[in-house]
PDB file of N, CA and C in Angstrom:
ATOM      1  N   MET A   1      15.668 -14.302   4.868  1.00  0.00           N
ATOM      2  CA  MET A   1      14.009 -14.259   5.356  1.00  0.00           C
ATOM      3  C   MET A   1      12.862 -14.584   4.301  1.00  0.00           C
ATOM      4  N   PRO A   2      12.655 -14.522   3.288  1.00  0.00           N
ATOM      5  CA  PRO A   2      11.531 -13.730   2.036  1.00  0.00           C
ATOM      6  C   PRO A   2       9.606 -13.458   3.058  1.00  0.00           C
ATOM      7  N   PHE A   3       9.669 -12.332   3.292  1.00  0.00           N
ATOM      8  CA  PHE A   3       7.994 -11.877   3.766  1.00  0.00           C
ATOM      9  C   PHE A   3       7.226 -11.331   2.983  1.00  0.00           C
ATOM     10  N   THR A   4       5.952 -10.843   3.266  1.00  0.00           N
ATOM     11  CA  THR A   4       4.994 -10.167   2.222  1.00  0.00           C
ATOM     12  C   THR A   4       5.108  -8.537   2.951  1.00  0.00           C
ATOM     13  N   THR A   5       4.657  -7.763   2.511  1.00  0.00           N
ATOM     14  CA  THR A   5       4.059  -6.316   3.142  1.00  0.00           C
ATOM     15  C   THR A   5       3.588  -5.504   2.759  1.00  0.00           C
ATOM     16  N   GLY A   6       2.793  -4.300   3.193  1.00  0.00           N
ATOM     17  CA  GLY A   6       1.921  -3.585   1.589  1.00  0.00           C
ATOM     18  C   GLY A   6       1.130  -2.266   2.710  1.00  0.00           C
ATOM     19  N   ILE A   7       0.497  -2.244   2.285  1.00  0.00           N
ATOM     20  CA  ILE A   7      -0.136  -0.365   2.378  1.00  0.00           C
ATOM     21  C   ILE A   7      -1.117  -1.068   1.823  1.00  0.00           C
ATOM     22  N   LEU A   8      -2.294   0.200   2.756  1.00  0.00           N
ATOM     23  CA  LEU A   8      -3.911   0.312   2.756  1.00  0.00           C
ATOM     24  C   LEU A   8      -3.691   1.350   1.681  1.00  0.00           C
ATOM     25  N   ILE A   9      -4.546   0.886   0.455  1.00  0.00           N
ATOM     26  CA  ILE A   9      -4.872   2.210  -0.373  1.00  0.00           C
ATOM     27  C   ILE A   9      -6.166   3.154  -0.299  1.00  0.00           C
ATOM     28  N   GLY A  10      -6.109   4.150   0.353  1.00  0.00           N
ATOM     29  CA  GLY A  10      -7.472   5.413  -0.610  1.00  0.00           C
ATOM     30  C   GLY A  10      -8.227   5.035   1.008  1.00  0.00           C
ATOM     31  N   ILE A  11      -7.467   4.455   2.307  1.00  0.00           N
ATOM     32  CA  ILE A  11      -8.214   4.521   3.241  1.00  0.00           C
ATOM     33  C   ILE A  11      -7.691   5.038   4.877  1.00  0.00           C
ATOM     34  N   GLY A  12      -8.184   6.430   4.803  1.00  0.00           N
ATOM     35  CA  GLY A  12      -7.332   7.259   5.701  1.00  0.00           C
ATOM     36  C   GLY A  12      -6.132   8.079   4.974  1.00  0.00           C
ATOM     37  N   GLU A  13      -5.222   7.766   4.218  1.00  0.00           N
ATOM     38  CA  GLU A  13      -3.602   8.255   3.945  1.00  0.00           C
ATOM     39  C   GLU A  13      -3.827   9.107   2.772  1.00  0.00           C
ATOM     40  N   THR A  14      -2.566  10.564   2.597  1.00  0.00           N
ATOM     41  CA  THR A  14      -2.674  11.100   2.005  1.00  0.00           C
ATOM     42  C   THR A  14      -1.618  10.067   0.756  1.00  0.00           C
ATOM     43  N   LEU A  15      -1.676  10.831  -0.270  1.00  0.00           N
ATOM     44  CA  LEU A  15      -1.372  10.149  -1.312  1.00  0.00           C
ATOM     45  C   LEU A  15       0.575  10.734  -1.263  1.00  0.00           C
ATOM     46  N   ALA A  16       0.504  11.432  -0.578  1.00  0.00           N
ATOM     47  CA  ALA A  16       1.761  11.387  -0.626  1.00  0.00           C
ATOM     48  C   ALA A  16       2.622  10.711   0.857  1.00  0.00           C
ATOM     49  N   GLU A  17       1.849  10.682   1.739  1.00  0.00           N
ATOM     50  CA  GLU A  17       2.215   9.600   2.669  1.00  0.00           C
ATOM     51  C   GLU A  17       1.799   8.012   2.003  1.00  0.00           C
ATOM     52  N   ARG A  18       1.290   8.311   0.949  1.00  0.00           N
ATOM     53  CA  ARG A  18       1.011   6.323   0.584  1.00  0.00           C
ATOM     54  C   ARG A  18       2.491   6.340  -0.341  1.00  0.00           C
ATOM     55  N   ALA A  19       2.861   7.577  -1.109  1.00  0.00           N
ATOM     56  CA  ALA A  19       4.565   7.255  -1.432  1.00  0.00           C
ATOM     57  C   ALA A  19       5.452   6.714  -0.712  1.00  0.00           C
ATOM     58  N   ASP A  20       5.546   8.098   0.570  1.00  0.00           N
ATOM     59  CA  ASP A  20       6.459   7.638   1.359  1.00  0.00           C
ATOM     60  C   ASP A  20       6.418   6.530   1.947  1.00  0.00           C
ATOM     61  N   SER A  21       5.818   5.919   2.144  1.00  0.00           N
ATOM     62  CA  SER A  21       5.229   4.033   2.068  1.00  0.00           C
ATOM     63  C   SER A  21       5.734   3.444   1.174  1.00  0.00           C
ATOM     64  N   ILE A  22       5.652   3.758   0.160  1.00  0.00           N
ATOM     65  CA  ILE A  22       6.473   3.022  -0.752  1.00  0.00           C
ATOM     66  C   ILE A  22       7.423   2.895  -0.848  1.00  0.00           C
ATOM     67  N   PHE A  23       8.435   4.222  -0.750  1.00  0.00           N
ATOM     68  CA  PHE A  23       9.563   4.382  -1.097  1.00  0.00           C
ATOM     69  C   PHE A  23      10.612   3.255   0.301  1.00  0.00           C
ATOM     70  N   ALA A  24       9.620   3.970   1.600  1.00  0.00           N
ATOM     71  CA  ALA A  24      10.375   3.605   2.365  1.00  0.00           C
ATOM     72  C   ALA A  24      10.377   1.660   2.175  1.00  0.00           C
ATOM     73  N   ILE A  25       9.358   1.055   1.653  1.00  0.00           N
ATOM     74  CA  ILE A  25       9.717  -0.009   1.187  1.00  0.00           C
ATOM     75  C   ILE A  25      10.368  -0.390   0.379  1.00  0.00           C
ATOM     76  N   ARG A  26      10.517   0.561  -0.443  1.00  0.00           N
ATOM     77  CA  ARG A  26      11.453   0.176  -1.586  1.00  0.00           C
ATOM     78  C   ARG A  26      13.144  -0.446  -1.328  1.00  0.00           C
ATOM     79  N   GLN A  27      13.344   1.062   0.484  1.00  0.00           N
ATOM     80  CA  GLN A  27      14.956   0.878   0.776  1.00  0.00           C
ATOM     81  C   GLN A  27      14.447  -0.187   1.609  1.00  0.00           C
ATOM     82  N   VAL A  28      13.637  -0.474   1.942  1.00  0.00           N
ATOM     83  CA  VAL A  28      14.471  -1.824   3.125  1.00  0.00           C
ATOM     84  C   VAL A  28      14.355  -2.920   2.249  1.00  0.00           C
ATOM     85  N   ALA A  29      13.735  -3.508   0.685  1.00  0.00           N
ATOM     86  CA  ALA A  29      13.874  -4.102   0.113  1.00  0.00           C
ATOM     87  C   ALA A  29      15.740  -4.075   0.016  1.00  0.00           C
ATOM     88  N   ARG A  30      16.042  -3.050  -0.852  1.00  0.00           N
ATOM     89  CA  ARG A  30      17.559  -2.713  -1.241  1.00  0.00           C
ATOM     90  C   ARG A  30      18.439  -3.397  -0.018  1.00  0.00           C
ATOM     91  N   GLU A  31      18.117  -2.105   0.767  1.00  0.00           N
ATOM     92  CA  GLU A  31      19.268  -2.374   1.838  1.00  0.00           C
ATOM     93  C   GLU A  31      19.674  -4.435   2.644  1.00  0.00           C
ATOM     94  N   TYR A  32      18.170  -5.010   2.754  1.00  0.00           N
ATOM     95  CA  TYR A  32      18.266  -5.449   3.611  1.00  0.00           C
ATOM     96  C   TYR A  32      17.827  -7.316   3.007  1.00  0.00           C
ATOM     97  N   GLY A  33      16.928  -7.001   2.226  1.00  0.00           N
ATOM     98  CA  GLY A  33      16.648  -7.899   1.408  1.00  0.00           C
ATOM     99  C   GLY A  33      15.001  -8.291   1.791  1.00  0.00           C
ATOM    100  N   GLY A  34      14.827  -9.865   0.588  1.00  0.00           N
ATOM    101  CA  GLY A  34      14.155 -10.506   2.111  1.00  0.00           C
ATOM    102  C   GLY A  34      12.168  -9.869   1.156  1.00  0.00           C
ATOM    103  N   ILE A  35      12.028  -9.157   0.965  1.00  0.00           N
ATOM    104  CA  ILE A  35      10.520  -8.738   0.747  1.00  0.00           C
ATOM    105  C   ILE A  35      10.027  -9.501  -0.855  1.00  0.00           C
ATOM    106  N   GLN A  36       9.007 -10.029  -0.812  1.00  0.00           N
ATOM    107  CA  GLN A  36       9.004 -10.937  -1.923  1.00  0.00           C
ATOM    108  C   GLN A  36       7.853 -10.716  -2.269  1.00  0.00           C
ATOM    109  N   GLU A  37       6.390  -9.865  -1.673  1.00  0.00           N
ATOM    110  CA  GLU A  37       5.942  -9.316  -2.180  1.00  0.00           C
ATOM    111  C   GLU A  37       5.072  -8.242  -1.656  1.00  0.00           C
ATOM    112  N   VAL A  38       4.945  -6.930  -2.652  1.00  0.00           N
ATOM    113  CA  VAL A  38       3.976  -5.948  -1.806  1.00  0.00           C
ATOM    114  C   VAL A  38       2.905  -6.223  -2.179  1.00  0.00           C
ATOM    115  N   ILE A  39       2.086  -6.450  -1.427  1.00  0.00           N
ATOM    116  CA  ILE A  39       0.177  -5.830  -0.852  1.00  0.00           C
ATOM    117  C   ILE A  39      -0.390  -4.272  -1.059  1.00  0.00           C
ATOM    118  N   GLY A  40      -0.914  -4.348  -1.955  1.00  0.00           N
ATOM    119  CA  GLY A  40      -2.075  -2.958  -1.865  1.00  0.00           C
ATOM    120  C   GLY A  40      -3.414  -3.502  -1.221  1.00  0.00           C
ATOM    121  N   ARG A  41      -4.092  -2.786   0.149  1.00  0.00           N
ATOM    122  CA  ARG A  41      -5.169  -3.335   0.212  1.00  0.00           C
ATOM    123  C   ARG A  41      -6.454  -1.960  -0.613  1.00  0.00           C
ATOM    124  N   THR A  42      -7.353  -2.548  -0.033  1.00  0.00           N
ATOM    125  CA  THR A  42      -8.492  -1.095  -1.301  1.00  0.00           C
ATOM    126  C   THR A  42      -9.497  -0.525  -0.223  1.00  0.00           C
ATOM    127  N   SER A  43      -9.431  -1.616   1.209  1.00  0.00           N
ATOM    128  CA  SER A  43     -10.907  -2.021   1.531  1.00  0.00           C
ATOM    129  C   SER A  43     -10.376  -1.977   2.362  1.00  0.00           C
ATOM    130  N   GLY A  44     -11.415  -2.024   3.650  1.00  0.00           N
ATOM    131  CA  GLY A  44     -11.434  -2.804   4.536  1.00  0.00           C
ATOM    132  C   GLY A  44     -12.462  -4.105   4.819  1.00  0.00           C
ATOM    133  N   GLN A  45     -11.588  -5.023   5.633  1.00  0.00           N
ATOM    134  CA  GLN A  45     -12.301  -6.392   5.655  1.00  0.00           C
ATOM    135  C   GLN A  45     -13.508  -5.950   7.107  1.00  0.00           C
ATOM    136  N   ALA A  46     -14.314  -7.094   6.080  1.00  0.00           N
ATOM    137  CA  ALA A  46     -16.239  -6.636   7.201  1.00  0.00           C
ATOM    138  C   ALA A  46     -16.433  -7.182   8.132  1.00  0.00           C
ATOM    139  N   ASP A  47     -15.124  -7.585   9.519  1.00  0.00           N
ATOM    140  CA  ASP A  47     -14.989  -7.327  10.717  1.00  0.00           C
ATOM    141  C   ASP A  47     -14.254  -6.831  11.562  1.00  0.00           C
ATOM    142  N   THR A  48     -13.151  -5.123  10.240  1.00  0.00           N
ATOM    143  CA  THR A  48     -12.962  -4.762  10.706  1.00  0.00           C
ATOM    144  C   THR A  48     -13.895  -2.792  10.739  1.00  0.00           C
ATOM    145  N   LYS A  49     -12.763  -1.788  11.545  1.00  0.00           N
ATOM    146  CA  LYS A  49     -13.880  -0.605  11.505  1.00  0.00           C
ATOM    147  C   LYS A  49     -13.969  -0.442  10.228  1.00  0.00           C
ATOM    148  N   MET A  50     -12.719  -0.147   9.576  1.00  0.00           N
ATOM    149  CA  MET A  50     -13.148   0.043   8.096  1.00  0.00           C
ATOM    150  C   MET A  50     -14.252  -0.538   7.382  1.00  0.00           C
ATOM    151  N   ARG A  51     -15.310  -0.597   8.002  1.00  0.00           N
ATOM    152  CA  ARG A  51     -15.584  -2.161   6.833  1.00  0.00           C
ATOM    153  C   ARG A  51     -16.941  -1.061   5.610  1.00  0.00           C
ATOM    154  N   GLY A  52     -17.584  -0.100   6.329  1.00  0.00           N
ATOM    155  CA  GLY A  52     -18.119   0.764   5.732  1.00  0.00           C
ATOM    156  C   GLY A  52     -17.336   1.700   5.153  1.00  0.00           C
ATOM    157  N   VAL A  53     -15.649   2.049   5.027  1.00  0.00           N
ATOM    158  CA  VAL A  53     -15.626   3.112   4.277  1.00  0.00           C
ATOM    159  C   VAL A  53     -15.335   2.444   2.109  1.00  0.00           C
ATOM    160  N   PRO A  54     -16.248   3.130   1.107  1.00  0.00           N
ATOM    161  CA  PRO A  54     -15.856   2.388  -0.248  1.00  0.00           C
ATOM    162  C   PRO A  54     -14.762   2.333  -0.194  1.00  0.00           C
ATOM    163  N   ASP A  55     -14.302   1.102  -1.563  1.00  0.00           N
ATOM    164  CA  ASP A  55     -13.052   0.918  -2.010  1.00  0.00           C
ATOM    165  C   ASP A  55     -12.251   2.064  -2.635  1.00  0.00           C
ATOM    166  N   ALA A  56     -10.870   2.124  -2.524  1.00  0.00           N
ATOM    167  CA  ALA A  56     -10.173   2.905  -3.445  1.00  0.00           C
ATOM    168  C   ALA A  56     -10.922   3.756  -4.800  1.00  0.00           C
ATOM    169  N   GLU A  57     -10.788   4.553  -5.214  1.00  0.00           N
ATOM    170  CA  GLU A  57     -11.118   4.946  -6.598  1.00  0.00           C
ATOM    171  C   GLU A  57     -10.301   4.706  -7.544  1.00  0.00           C
ATOM    172  N   LEU A  58     -10.210   4.563  -8.931  1.00  0.00           N
ATOM    173  CA  LEU A  58      -9.174   4.177  -9.605  1.00  0.00           C
ATOM    174  C   LEU A  58      -8.320   4.928 -10.165  1.00  0.00           C
ATOM    175  N   ASP A  59      -8.635   6.583  -9.592  1.00  0.00           N
ATOM    176  CA  ASP A  59      -7.454   7.200  -9.833  1.00  0.00           C
ATOM    177  C   ASP A  59      -6.140   7.080  -8.541  1.00  0.00           C
ATOM    178  N   ASP A  60      -6.909   6.418  -7.011  1.00  0.00           N
ATOM    179  CA  ASP A  60      -6.167   6.352  -6.183  1.00  0.00           C
ATOM    180  C   ASP A  60      -5.425   5.093  -6.574  1.00  0.00           C
ATOM    181  N   LEU A  61      -5.690   3.866  -7.081  1.00  0.00           N
ATOM    182  CA  LEU A  61      -5.261   3.287  -7.568  1.00  0.00           C
ATOM    183  C   LEU A  61      -4.358   2.914  -8.845  1.00  0.00           C
ATOM    184  N   ALA A  62      -4.788   4.462  -9.829  1.00  0.00           N
ATOM    185  CA  ALA A  62      -3.268   4.255 -10.558  1.00  0.00           C
ATOM    186  C   ALA A  62      -2.047   4.895 -10.263  1.00  0.00           C
ATOM    187  N   ALA A  63      -2.544   6.025  -9.290  1.00  0.00           N
ATOM    188  CA  ALA A  63      -1.100   7.286  -8.773  1.00  0.00           C
ATOM    189  C   ALA A  63      -0.450   6.490  -7.805  1.00  0.00           C
ATOM    190  N   THR A  64      -1.409   5.446  -6.781  1.00  0.00           N
ATOM    191  CA  THR A  64      -0.212   4.428  -6.733  1.00  0.00           C
ATOM    192  C   THR A  64       0.605   3.382  -7.336  1.00  0.00           C
ATOM    193  N   ILE A  65       0.086   2.950  -8.715  1.00  0.00           N
ATOM    194  CA  ILE A  65       1.118   1.979  -9.601  1.00  0.00           C
ATOM    195  C   ILE A  65       1.901   2.782 -10.119  1.00  0.00           C
ATOM    196  N   ALA A  66       1.583   5.167 -10.081  1.00  0.00           N
ATOM    197  CA  ALA A  66       2.053   4.951 -11.071  1.00  0.00           C
ATOM    198  C   ALA A  66       3.749   5.532 -10.442  1.00  0.00           C
ATOM    199  N   VAL A  67       3.252   5.722  -9.128  1.00  0.00           N
ATOM    200  CA  VAL A  67       4.797   5.472  -7.896  1.00  0.00           C
ATOM    201  C   VAL A  67       5.564   4.392  -7.514  1.00  0.00           C
ATOM    202  N   THR A  68       5.242   3.105  -8.114  1.00  0.00           N
ATOM    203  CA  THR A  68       5.832   1.878  -8.027  1.00  0.00           C
ATOM    204  C   THR A  68       6.300   1.621  -9.191  1.00  0.00           C
ATOM    205  N   GLY A  69       6.248   2.453 -10.624  1.00  0.00           N
ATOM    206  CA  GLY A  69       7.397   2.181 -11.994  1.00  0.00           C
ATOM    207  C   GLY A  69       8.133   2.614 -11.315  1.00  0.00           C
TER     208      GLY A  69
END
């Protein structure tokens, strides 16, 4: 069954933790299949505790994309 998963970018995690999450998602996809897309969220929604946290910086986004390549 296809499903969507994702990570939070720049909202409290370190770059190493983010990379670990990406590699864990890749391992699950390889072992079990079913992941149809991975979403990278860069800001807190208006109705959450993270609503006041600024969006991730461009270098954070670029580093995350580089890990996924």
